[in-house]
Amino acid sequence: MKIIYTLIKIVVLLAFLLLAISNTQLIAFNYLPGQMVNLPLIVLLLIFFIIGAVFGVFAMFGRLLRLRSQVNQLQNQLNKQVKAASQTVNAENVVTVKSAESTNIKE
């Protein structure tokens, strides 16, 4: 299975490399009124891809914090329930041992 994933990664890398090589023509990019820079098309595409990825991460950051908070709350509840259950089991064991001892004493 790793070989298949490696082959897929190589094919995708080669496709991106071919795309980069075939898009090297210079593009005039106007980023402010009166401000222009000439960049290869692939560089411009890479810049906007990175900007989009950063905005996507920032868009999901609030949701990520909310989900982490919820996970922590649920983990705390689970820890409390496990502690309460273990105390209940220990109490039942003590009662069982005491009743067994009292039965042995009576005999």
PDB file of N, CA and C in Angstrom:
ATOM      1  N   MET A   1       0.819  -1.192   0.000  1.00  0.00           N
ATOM      2  CA  MET A   1       0.000   0.000   0.000  1.00  0.00           C
ATOM      3  C   MET A   1       0.863   1.256   0.000  1.00  0.00           C
ATOM      4  N   LYS A   2       2.000   1.198   0.739  1.00  0.00           N
ATOM      5  CA  LYS A   2       2.905   2.345   0.762  1.00  0.00           C
ATOM      6  C   LYS A   2       3.474   2.623  -0.624  1.00  0.00           C
ATOM      7  N   ILE A   3       3.696   1.579  -1.389  1.00  0.00           N
ATOM      8  CA  ILE A   3       4.243   1.756  -2.739  1.00  0.00           C
ATOM      9  C   ILE A   3       3.245   2.506  -3.614  1.00  0.00           C
ATOM     10  N   ILE A   4       1.975   2.169  -3.483  1.00  0.00           N
ATOM     11  CA  ILE A   4       0.947   2.845  -4.272  1.00  0.00           C
ATOM     12  C   ILE A   4       0.880   4.321  -3.899  1.00  0.00           C
ATOM     13  N   TYR A   5       0.893   4.627  -2.591  1.00  0.00           N
ATOM     14  CA  TYR A   5       0.867   6.024  -2.158  1.00  0.00           C
ATOM     15  C   TYR A   5       2.103   6.771  -2.640  1.00  0.00           C
ATOM     16  N   THR A   6       3.242   6.128  -2.600  1.00  0.00           N
ATOM     17  CA  THR A   6       4.473   6.756  -3.071  1.00  0.00           C
ATOM     18  C   THR A   6       4.396   7.037  -4.567  1.00  0.00           C
ATOM     19  N   LEU A   7       3.856   6.093  -5.329  1.00  0.00           N
ATOM     20  CA  LEU A   7       3.701   6.304  -6.768  1.00  0.00           C
ATOM     21  C   LEU A   7       2.733   7.449  -7.063  1.00  0.00           C
ATOM     22  N   ILE A   8       1.649   7.512  -6.315  1.00  0.00           N
ATOM     23  CA  ILE A   8       0.688   8.604  -6.498  1.00  0.00           C
ATOM     24  C   ILE A   8       1.345   9.946  -6.181  1.00  0.00           C
ATOM     25  N   LYS A   9       2.122   9.995  -5.115  1.00  0.00           N
ATOM     26  CA  LYS A   9       2.813  11.238  -4.754  1.00  0.00           C
ATOM     27  C   LYS A   9       3.797  11.648  -5.842  1.00  0.00           C
ATOM     28  N   ILE A  10       4.508  10.689  -6.401  1.00  0.00           N
ATOM     29  CA  ILE A  10       5.473  10.995  -7.465  1.00  0.00           C
ATOM     30  C   ILE A  10       4.758  11.521  -8.700  1.00  0.00           C
ATOM     31  N   VAL A  11       3.634  10.916  -9.065  1.00  0.00           N
ATOM     32  CA  VAL A  11       2.871  11.359 -10.230  1.00  0.00           C
ATOM     33  C   VAL A  11       2.352  12.778 -10.010  1.00  0.00           C
ATOM     34  N   VAL A  12       1.832  13.069  -8.815  1.00  0.00           N
ATOM     35  CA  VAL A  12       1.331  14.416  -8.525  1.00  0.00           C
ATOM     36  C   VAL A  12       2.476  15.421  -8.544  1.00  0.00           C
ATOM     37  N   LEU A  13       3.616  15.065  -7.974  1.00  0.00           N
ATOM     38  CA  LEU A  13       4.777  15.951  -7.985  1.00  0.00           C
ATOM     39  C   LEU A  13       5.229  16.232  -9.412  1.00  0.00           C
ATOM     40  N   LEU A  14       5.269  15.208 -10.249  1.00  0.00           N
ATOM     41  CA  LEU A  14       5.659  15.407 -11.648  1.00  0.00           C
ATOM     42  C   LEU A  14       4.656  16.286 -12.387  1.00  0.00           C
ATOM     43  N   ALA A  15       3.368  16.128 -12.087  1.00  0.00           N
ATOM     44  CA  ALA A  15       2.351  16.967 -12.722  1.00  0.00           C
ATOM     45  C   ALA A  15       2.538  18.428 -12.314  1.00  0.00           C
ATOM     46  N   PHE A  16       2.803  18.680 -11.031  1.00  0.00           N
ATOM     47  CA  PHE A  16       3.027  20.054 -10.577  1.00  0.00           C
ATOM     48  C   PHE A  16       4.323  20.624 -11.164  1.00  0.00           C
ATOM     49  N   LEU A  17       5.345  19.788 -11.272  1.00  0.00           N
ATOM     50  CA  LEU A  17       6.599  20.235 -11.857  1.00  0.00           C
ATOM     51  C   LEU A  17       6.405  20.597 -13.330  1.00  0.00           C
ATOM     52  N   LEU A  18       5.658  19.786 -14.059  1.00  0.00           N
ATOM     53  CA  LEU A  18       5.350  20.074 -15.461  1.00  0.00           C
ATOM     54  C   LEU A  18       4.546  21.364 -15.579  1.00  0.00           C
ATOM     55  N   LEU A  19       3.596  21.559 -14.666  1.00  0.00           N
ATOM     56  CA  LEU A  19       2.807  22.794 -14.648  1.00  0.00           C
ATOM     57  C   LEU A  19       3.696  24.001 -14.396  1.00  0.00           C
ATOM     58  N   ALA A  20       4.641  23.869 -13.474  1.00  0.00           N
ATOM     59  CA  ALA A  20       5.546  24.975 -13.154  1.00  0.00           C
ATOM     60  C   ALA A  20       6.448  25.303 -14.340  1.00  0.00           C
ATOM     61  N   ILE A  21       6.951  24.275 -14.989  1.00  0.00           N
ATOM     62  CA  ILE A  21       7.856  24.501 -16.114  1.00  0.00           C
ATOM     63  C   ILE A  21       7.131  25.136 -17.290  1.00  0.00           C
ATOM     64  N   SER A  22       5.885  24.759 -17.502  1.00  0.00           N
ATOM     65  CA  SER A  22       5.148  25.276 -18.662  1.00  0.00           C
ATOM     66  C   SER A  22       4.529  26.655 -18.421  1.00  0.00           C
ATOM     67  N   ASN A  23       4.562  27.164 -17.185  1.00  0.00           N
ATOM     68  CA  ASN A  23       3.968  28.475 -16.890  1.00  0.00           C
ATOM     69  C   ASN A  23       5.007  29.447 -16.344  1.00  0.00           C
ATOM     70  N   THR A  24       6.046  29.657 -17.116  1.00  0.00           N
ATOM     71  CA  THR A  24       7.110  30.558 -16.662  1.00  0.00           C
ATOM     72  C   THR A  24       7.017  31.945 -17.303  1.00  0.00           C
ATOM     73  N   GLN A  25       6.019  32.185 -18.152  1.00  0.00           N
ATOM     74  CA  GLN A  25       5.912  33.496 -18.793  1.00  0.00           C
ATOM     75  C   GLN A  25       5.629  34.574 -17.739  1.00  0.00           C
ATOM     76  N   LEU A  26       6.137  35.761 -17.977  1.00  0.00           N
ATOM     77  CA  LEU A  26       5.979  36.856 -17.030  1.00  0.00           C
ATOM     78  C   LEU A  26       4.580  37.453 -17.146  1.00  0.00           C
ATOM     79  N   ILE A  27       4.011  37.746 -15.999  1.00  0.00           N
ATOM     80  CA  ILE A  27       2.680  38.340 -15.901  1.00  0.00           C
ATOM     81  C   ILE A  27       2.812  39.661 -15.159  1.00  0.00           C
ATOM     82  N   ALA A  28       2.164  40.691 -15.660  1.00  0.00           N
ATOM     83  CA  ALA A  28       2.165  41.978 -14.965  1.00  0.00           C
ATOM     84  C   ALA A  28       1.085  41.936 -13.902  1.00  0.00           C
ATOM     85  N   PHE A  29       1.477  42.075 -12.657  1.00  0.00           N
ATOM     86  CA  PHE A  29       0.537  42.022 -11.531  1.00  0.00           C
ATOM     87  C   PHE A  29       0.463  43.407 -10.901  1.00  0.00           C
ATOM     88  N   ASN A  30      -0.733  43.999 -10.914  1.00  0.00           N
ATOM     89  CA  ASN A  30      -0.974  45.310 -10.318  1.00  0.00           C
ATOM     90  C   ASN A  30      -1.526  45.108  -8.916  1.00  0.00           C
ATOM     91  N   TYR A  31      -0.723  45.315  -7.898  1.00  0.00           N
ATOM     92  CA  TYR A  31      -1.175  45.080  -6.526  1.00  0.00           C
ATOM     93  C   TYR A  31      -1.683  46.339  -5.849  1.00  0.00           C
ATOM     94  N   LEU A  32      -1.285  47.500  -6.286  1.00  0.00           N
ATOM     95  CA  LEU A  32      -1.817  48.787  -5.835  1.00  0.00           C
ATOM     96  C   LEU A  32      -1.976  49.663  -7.070  1.00  0.00           C
ATOM     97  N   PRO A  33      -2.838  50.675  -6.992  1.00  0.00           N
ATOM     98  CA  PRO A  33      -2.946  51.575  -8.158  1.00  0.00           C
ATOM     99  C   PRO A  33      -1.581  52.201  -8.477  1.00  0.00           C
ATOM    100  N   GLY A  34      -1.138  51.994  -9.677  1.00  0.00           N
ATOM    101  CA  GLY A  34       0.142  52.540 -10.096  1.00  0.00           C
ATOM    102  C   GLY A  34       1.334  51.691  -9.709  1.00  0.00           C
ATOM    103  N   GLN A  35       1.125  50.594  -9.003  1.00  0.00           N
ATOM    104  CA  GLN A  35       2.210  49.707  -8.589  1.00  0.00           C
ATOM    105  C   GLN A  35       2.085  48.398  -9.359  1.00  0.00           C
ATOM    106  N   MET A  36       3.154  48.037 -10.043  1.00  0.00           N
ATOM    107  CA  MET A  36       3.105  46.831 -10.855  1.00  0.00           C
ATOM    108  C   MET A  36       4.401  46.050 -10.669  1.00  0.00           C
ATOM    109  N   VAL A  37       4.277  44.737 -10.702  1.00  0.00           N
ATOM    110  CA  VAL A  37       5.437  43.866 -10.638  1.00  0.00           C
ATOM    111  C   VAL A  37       5.259  42.766 -11.683  1.00  0.00           C
ATOM    112  N   ASN A  38       6.332  42.400 -12.330  1.00  0.00           N
ATOM    113  CA  ASN A  38       6.296  41.313 -13.309  1.00  0.00           C
ATOM    114  C   ASN A  38       6.821  40.049 -12.641  1.00  0.00           C
ATOM    115  N   LEU A  39       5.975  39.039 -12.574  1.00  0.00           N
ATOM    116  CA  LEU A  39       6.325  37.763 -11.955  1.00  0.00           C
ATOM    117  C   LEU A  39       5.969  36.623 -12.893  1.00  0.00           C
ATOM    118  N   PRO A  40       6.696  35.511 -12.802  1.00  0.00           N
ATOM    119  CA  PRO A  40       6.262  34.317 -13.536  1.00  0.00           C
ATOM    120  C   PRO A  40       4.896  33.848 -13.011  1.00  0.00           C
ATOM    121  N   LEU A  41       4.087  33.323 -13.880  1.00  0.00           N
ATOM    122  CA  LEU A  41       2.735  32.912 -13.517  1.00  0.00           C
ATOM    123  C   LEU A  41       2.741  31.889 -12.392  1.00  0.00           C
ATOM    124  N   ILE A  42       3.646  30.934 -12.408  1.00  0.00           N
ATOM    125  CA  ILE A  42       3.669  29.897 -11.383  1.00  0.00           C
ATOM    126  C   ILE A  42       3.983  30.486 -10.014  1.00  0.00           C
ATOM    127  N   VAL A  43       4.843  31.508  -9.956  1.00  0.00           N
ATOM    128  CA  VAL A  43       5.156  32.161  -8.682  1.00  0.00           C
ATOM    129  C   VAL A  43       3.914  32.870  -8.152  1.00  0.00           C
ATOM    130  N   LEU A  44       3.206  33.547  -9.041  1.00  0.00           N
ATOM    131  CA  LEU A  44       1.977  34.235  -8.643  1.00  0.00           C
ATOM    132  C   LEU A  44       0.927  33.240  -8.143  1.00  0.00           C
ATOM    133  N   LEU A  45       0.796  32.112  -8.832  1.00  0.00           N
ATOM    134  CA  LEU A  45      -0.149  31.081  -8.387  1.00  0.00           C
ATOM    135  C   LEU A  45       0.248  30.520  -7.024  1.00  0.00           C
ATOM    136  N   LEU A  46       1.534  30.295  -6.814  1.00  0.00           N
ATOM    137  CA  LEU A  46       2.017  29.782  -5.534  1.00  0.00           C
ATOM    138  C   LEU A  46       1.746  30.774  -4.407  1.00  0.00           C
ATOM    139  N   ILE A  47       1.983  32.051  -4.666  1.00  0.00           N
ATOM    140  CA  ILE A  47       1.731  33.087  -3.649  1.00  0.00           C
ATOM    141  C   ILE A  47       0.257  33.098  -3.253  1.00  0.00           C
ATOM    142  N   PHE A  48      -0.625  33.070  -4.245  1.00  0.00           N
ATOM    143  CA  PHE A  48      -2.052  33.109  -3.921  1.00  0.00           C
ATOM    144  C   PHE A  48      -2.536  31.811  -3.288  1.00  0.00           C
ATOM    145  N   PHE A  49      -1.922  30.694  -3.618  1.00  0.00           N
ATOM    146  CA  PHE A  49      -2.249  29.438  -2.944  1.00  0.00           C
ATOM    147  C   PHE A  49      -1.894  29.520  -1.465  1.00  0.00           C
ATOM    148  N   ILE A  50      -0.705  30.038  -1.164  1.00  0.00           N
ATOM    149  CA  ILE A  50      -0.271  30.165   0.227  1.00  0.00           C
ATOM    150  C   ILE A  50      -1.171  31.134   0.986  1.00  0.00           C
ATOM    151  N   ILE A  51      -1.520  32.256   0.370  1.00  0.00           N
ATOM    152  CA  ILE A  51      -2.427  33.220   1.011  1.00  0.00           C
ATOM    153  C   ILE A  51      -3.779  32.572   1.294  1.00  0.00           C
ATOM    154  N   GLY A  52      -4.299  31.802   0.358  1.00  0.00           N
ATOM    155  CA  GLY A  52      -5.570  31.111   0.559  1.00  0.00           C
ATOM    156  C   GLY A  52      -5.495  30.081   1.672  1.00  0.00           C
ATOM    157  N   ALA A  53      -4.384  29.368   1.745  1.00  0.00           N
ATOM    158  CA  ALA A  53      -4.214  28.369   2.812  1.00  0.00           C
ATOM    159  C   ALA A  53      -4.162  29.050   4.173  1.00  0.00           C
ATOM    160  N   VAL A  54      -3.471  30.180   4.266  1.00  0.00           N
ATOM    161  CA  VAL A  54      -3.389  30.910   5.530  1.00  0.00           C
ATOM    162  C   VAL A  54      -4.767  31.410   5.949  1.00  0.00           C
ATOM    163  N   PHE A  55      -5.524  31.978   5.017  1.00  0.00           N
ATOM    164  CA  PHE A  55      -6.882  32.425   5.342  1.00  0.00           C
ATOM    165  C   PHE A  55      -7.771  31.257   5.751  1.00  0.00           C
ATOM    166  N   GLY A  56      -7.602  30.118   5.123  1.00  0.00           N
ATOM    167  CA  GLY A  56      -8.374  28.935   5.502  1.00  0.00           C
ATOM    168  C   GLY A  56      -8.068  28.478   6.912  1.00  0.00           C
ATOM    169  N   VAL A  57      -6.799  28.517   7.286  1.00  0.00           N
ATOM    170  CA  VAL A  57      -6.411  28.138   8.648  1.00  0.00           C
ATOM    171  C   VAL A  57      -7.010  29.120   9.654  1.00  0.00           C
ATOM    172  N   PHE A  58      -6.923  30.417   9.347  1.00  0.00           N
ATOM    173  CA  PHE A  58      -7.499  31.410  10.249  1.00  0.00           C
ATOM    174  C   PHE A  58      -9.019  31.262  10.360  1.00  0.00           C
ATOM    175  N   ALA A  59      -9.670  30.884   9.265  1.00  0.00           N
ATOM    176  CA  ALA A  59     -11.121  30.705   9.293  1.00  0.00           C
ATOM    177  C   ALA A  59     -11.523  29.531  10.183  1.00  0.00           C
ATOM    178  N   MET A  60     -10.695  28.505  10.256  1.00  0.00           N
ATOM    179  CA  MET A  60     -11.013  27.330  11.062  1.00  0.00           C
ATOM    180  C   MET A  60     -10.487  27.425  12.490  1.00  0.00           C
ATOM    181  N   PHE A  61      -9.706  28.461  12.801  1.00  0.00           N
ATOM    182  CA  PHE A  61      -9.054  28.565  14.103  1.00  0.00           C
ATOM    183  C   PHE A  61     -10.068  28.675  15.239  1.00  0.00           C
ATOM    184  N   GLY A  62     -11.132  29.477  15.071  1.00  0.00           N
ATOM    185  CA  GLY A  62     -12.160  29.613  16.109  1.00  0.00           C
ATOM    186  C   GLY A  62     -12.860  28.292  16.384  1.00  0.00           C
ATOM    187  N   ARG A  63     -13.205  27.592  15.338  1.00  0.00           N
ATOM    188  CA  ARG A  63     -13.859  26.293  15.483  1.00  0.00           C
ATOM    189  C   ARG A  63     -12.925  25.298  16.184  1.00  0.00           C
ATOM    190  N   LEU A  64     -11.659  25.339  15.838  1.00  0.00           N
ATOM    191  CA  LEU A  64     -10.683  24.452  16.468  1.00  0.00           C
ATOM    192  C   LEU A  64     -10.597  24.717  17.965  1.00  0.00           C
ATOM    193  N   LEU A  65     -10.565  25.969  18.357  1.00  0.00           N
ATOM    194  CA  LEU A  65     -10.515  26.300  19.782  1.00  0.00           C
ATOM    195  C   LEU A  65     -11.773  25.832  20.507  1.00  0.00           C
ATOM    196  N   ARG A  66     -12.933  26.020  19.879  1.00  0.00           N
ATOM    197  CA  ARG A  66     -14.186  25.564  20.480  1.00  0.00           C
ATOM    198  C   ARG A  66     -14.197  24.055  20.662  1.00  0.00           C
ATOM    199  N   LEU A  67     -13.748  23.332  19.656  1.00  0.00           N
ATOM    200  CA  LEU A  67     -13.733  21.867  19.741  1.00  0.00           C
ATOM    201  C   LEU A  67     -12.739  21.379  20.792  1.00  0.00           C
ATOM    202  N   ARG A  68     -11.585  22.031  20.898  1.00  0.00           N
ATOM    203  CA  ARG A  68     -10.621  21.647  21.935  1.00  0.00           C
ATOM    204  C   ARG A  68     -11.188  21.889  23.325  1.00  0.00           C
ATOM    205  N   SER A  69     -11.906  23.002  23.491  1.00  0.00           N
ATOM    206  CA  SER A  69     -12.527  23.297  24.775  1.00  0.00           C
ATOM    207  C   SER A  69     -13.561  22.227  25.113  1.00  0.00           C
ATOM    208  N   GLN A  70     -14.348  21.845  24.129  1.00  0.00           N
ATOM    209  CA  GLN A  70     -15.365  20.815  24.347  1.00  0.00           C
ATOM    210  C   GLN A  70     -14.710  19.476  24.690  1.00  0.00           C
ATOM    211  N   VAL A  71     -13.622  19.133  24.024  1.00  0.00           N
ATOM    212  CA  VAL A  71     -12.916  17.886  24.321  1.00  0.00           C
ATOM    213  C   VAL A  71     -12.397  17.908  25.749  1.00  0.00           C
ATOM    214  N   ASN A  72     -11.834  19.043  26.186  1.00  0.00           N
ATOM    215  CA  ASN A  72     -11.331  19.142  27.556  1.00  0.00           C
ATOM    216  C   ASN A  72     -12.457  18.995  28.578  1.00  0.00           C
ATOM    217  N   GLN A  73     -13.612  19.617  28.316  1.00  0.00           N
ATOM    218  CA  GLN A  73     -14.759  19.492  29.222  1.00  0.00           C
ATOM    219  C   GLN A  73     -15.212  18.043  29.306  1.00  0.00           C
ATOM    220  N   LEU A  74     -15.324  17.384  28.163  1.00  0.00           N
ATOM    221  CA  LEU A  74     -15.771  15.991  28.156  1.00  0.00           C
ATOM    222  C   LEU A  74     -14.748  15.077  28.831  1.00  0.00           C
ATOM    223  N   GLN A  75     -13.463  15.379  28.657  1.00  0.00           N
ATOM    224  CA  GLN A  75     -12.422  14.583  29.312  1.00  0.00           C
ATOM    225  C   GLN A  75     -12.514  14.745  30.830  1.00  0.00           C
ATOM    226  N   ASN A  76     -12.760  15.971  31.300  1.00  0.00           N
ATOM    227  CA  ASN A  76     -12.911  16.200  32.737  1.00  0.00           C
ATOM    228  C   ASN A  76     -14.127  15.451  33.287  1.00  0.00           C
ATOM    229  N   GLN A  77     -15.244  15.474  32.548  1.00  0.00           N
ATOM    230  CA  GLN A  77     -16.435  14.740  32.977  1.00  0.00           C
ATOM    231  C   GLN A  77     -16.146  13.245  33.045  1.00  0.00           C
ATOM    232  N   LEU A  78     -15.456  12.735  32.046  1.00  0.00           N
ATOM    233  CA  LEU A  78     -15.116  11.317  32.026  1.00  0.00           C
ATOM    234  C   LEU A  78     -14.225  10.955  33.204  1.00  0.00           C
ATOM    235  N   ASN A  79     -13.233  11.792  33.501  1.00  0.00           N
ATOM    236  CA  ASN A  79     -12.349  11.528  34.635  1.00  0.00           C
ATOM    237  C   ASN A  79     -13.124  11.518  35.948  1.00  0.00           C
ATOM    238  N   LYS A  80     -14.088  12.435  36.105  1.00  0.00           N
ATOM    239  CA  LYS A  80     -14.910  12.468  37.320  1.00  0.00           C
ATOM    240  C   LYS A  80     -15.755  11.202  37.433  1.00  0.00           C
ATOM    241  N   GLN A  81     -16.329  10.758  36.308  1.00  0.00           N
ATOM    242  CA  GLN A  81     -17.157   9.557  36.334  1.00  0.00           C
ATOM    243  C   GLN A  81     -16.324   8.313  36.624  1.00  0.00           C
ATOM    244  N   VAL A  82     -15.120   8.245  36.064  1.00  0.00           N
ATOM    245  CA  VAL A  82     -14.241   7.100  36.333  1.00  0.00           C
ATOM    246  C   VAL A  82     -13.840   7.087  37.799  1.00  0.00           C
ATOM    247  N   LYS A  83     -13.527   8.253  38.350  1.00  0.00           N
ATOM    248  CA  LYS A  83     -13.154   8.341  39.758  1.00  0.00           C
ATOM    249  C   LYS A  83     -14.321   7.931  40.650  1.00  0.00           C
ATOM    250  N   ALA A  84     -15.537   8.417  40.325  1.00  0.00           N
ATOM    251  CA  ALA A  84     -16.710   8.059  41.116  1.00  0.00           C
ATOM    252  C   ALA A  84     -16.996   6.556  41.011  1.00  0.00           C
ATOM    253  N   ALA A  85     -16.840   6.001  39.816  1.00  0.00           N
ATOM    254  CA  ALA A  85     -17.089   4.571  39.629  1.00  0.00           C
ATOM    255  C   ALA A  85     -16.067   3.739  40.387  1.00  0.00           C
ATOM    256  N   SER A  86     -14.804   4.167  40.375  1.00  0.00           N
ATOM    257  CA  SER A  86     -13.793   3.398  41.102  1.00  0.00           C
ATOM    258  C   SER A  86     -14.018   3.485  42.606  1.00  0.00           C
ATOM    259  N   GLN A  87     -14.489   4.632  43.086  1.00  0.00           N
ATOM    260  CA  GLN A  87     -14.805   4.753  44.507  1.00  0.00           C
ATOM    261  C   GLN A  87     -15.982   3.861  44.876  1.00  0.00           C
ATOM    262  N   THR A  88     -16.973   3.770  43.998  1.00  0.00           N
ATOM    263  CA  THR A  88     -18.128   2.908  44.236  1.00  0.00           C
ATOM    264  C   THR A  88     -17.697   1.444  44.271  1.00  0.00           C
ATOM    265  N   VAL A  89     -16.838   1.061  43.335  1.00  0.00           N
ATOM    266  CA  VAL A  89     -16.355  -0.319  43.293  1.00  0.00           C
ATOM    267  C   VAL A  89     -15.550  -0.623  44.549  1.00  0.00           C
ATOM    268  N   ASN A  90     -14.701   0.314  44.979  1.00  0.00           N
ATOM    269  CA  ASN A  90     -13.902   0.111  46.191  1.00  0.00           C
ATOM    270  C   ASN A  90     -14.809  -0.009  47.413  1.00  0.00           C
ATOM    271  N   ALA A  91     -15.848   0.805  47.487  1.00  0.00           N
ATOM    272  CA  ALA A  91     -16.778   0.748  48.611  1.00  0.00           C
ATOM    273  C   ALA A  91     -17.512  -0.594  48.625  1.00  0.00           C
ATOM    274  N   GLU A  92     -17.913  -1.080  47.467  1.00  0.00           N
ATOM    275  CA  GLU A  92     -18.593  -2.367  47.389  1.00  0.00           C
ATOM    276  C   GLU A  92     -17.642  -3.497  47.797  1.00  0.00           C
ATOM    277  N   ASN A  93     -16.384  -3.403  47.403  1.00  0.00           N
ATOM    278  CA  ASN A  93     -15.398  -4.419  47.778  1.00  0.00           C
ATOM    279  C   ASN A  93     -15.186  -4.430  49.283  1.00  0.00           C
ATOM    280  N   VAL A  94     -15.148  -3.251  49.901  1.00  0.00           N
ATOM    281  CA  VAL A  94     -14.972  -3.177  51.350  1.00  0.00           C
ATOM    282  C   VAL A  94     -16.166  -3.807  52.050  1.00  0.00           C
ATOM    283  N   VAL A  95     -17.385  -3.518  51.579  1.00  0.00           N
ATOM    284  CA  VAL A  95     -18.590  -4.097  52.172  1.00  0.00           C
ATOM    285  C   VAL A  95     -18.584  -5.598  51.995  1.00  0.00           C
ATOM    286  N   THR A  96     -18.184  -6.094  50.835  1.00  0.00           N
ATOM    287  CA  THR A  96     -18.140  -7.529  50.573  1.00  0.00           C
ATOM    288  C   THR A  96     -17.112  -8.204  51.468  1.00  0.00           C
ATOM    289  N   VAL A  97     -15.952  -7.590  51.624  1.00  0.00           N
ATOM    290  CA  VAL A  97     -14.908  -8.169  52.469  1.00  0.00           C
ATOM    291  C   VAL A  97     -15.356  -8.175  53.921  1.00  0.00           C
ATOM    292  N   LYS A  98     -15.987  -7.094  54.385  1.00  0.00           N
ATOM    293  CA  LYS A  98     -16.452  -7.033  55.770  1.00  0.00           C
ATOM    294  C   LYS A  98     -17.545  -8.053  56.023  1.00  0.00           C
ATOM    295  N   SER A  99     -18.465  -8.216  55.072  1.00  0.00           N
ATOM    296  CA  SER A  99     -19.527  -9.195  55.271  1.00  0.00           C
ATOM    297  C   SER A  99     -18.951 -10.621  55.247  1.00  0.00           C
ATOM    298  N   ALA A 100     -17.931 -10.845  54.422  1.00  0.00           N
ATOM    299  CA  ALA A 100     -17.297 -12.167  54.397  1.00  0.00           C
ATOM    300  C   ALA A 100     -16.553 -12.420  55.703  1.00  0.00           C
ATOM    301  N   GLU A 101     -15.911 -11.395  56.238  1.00  0.00           N
ATOM    302  CA  GLU A 101     -15.214 -11.545  57.522  1.00  0.00           C
ATOM    303  C   GLU A 101     -16.195 -11.816  58.640  1.00  0.00           C
ATOM    304  N   SER A 102     -17.315 -11.097  58.633  1.00  0.00           N
ATOM    305  CA  SER A 102     -18.303 -11.297  59.701  1.00  0.00           C
ATOM    306  C   SER A 102     -18.925 -12.692  59.604  1.00  0.00           C
ATOM    307  N   THR A 103     -19.063 -13.212  58.386  1.00  0.00           N
ATOM    308  CA  THR A 103     -19.583 -14.563  58.200  1.00  0.00           C
ATOM    309  C   THR A 103     -18.577 -15.574  58.743  1.00  0.00           C
ATOM    310  N   ASN A 104     -17.304 -15.355  58.487  1.00  0.00           N
ATOM    311  CA  ASN A 104     -16.255 -16.251  58.982  1.00  0.00           C
ATOM    312  C   ASN A 104     -16.157 -16.209  60.504  1.00  0.00           C
ATOM    313  N   ILE A 105     -16.362 -15.039  61.090  1.00  0.00           N
ATOM    314  CA  ILE A 105     -16.302 -14.899  62.554  1.00  0.00           C
ATOM    315  C   ILE A 105     -17.459 -15.641  63.197  1.00  0.00           C
ATOM    316  N   LYS A 106     -18.634 -15.585  62.632  1.00  0.00           N
ATOM    317  CA  LYS A 106     -19.820 -16.233  63.193  1.00  0.00           C
ATOM    318  C   LYS A 106     -19.680 -17.754  63.133  1.00  0.00           C
ATOM    319  N   GLU A 107     -19.008 -18.279  62.161  1.00  0.00           N
ATOM    320  CA  GLU A 107     -18.876 -19.732  62.011  1.00  0.00           C
ATOM    321  C   GLU A 107     -17.861 -20.220  62.926  1.00  0.00           C
TER     322      GLU A 107
END
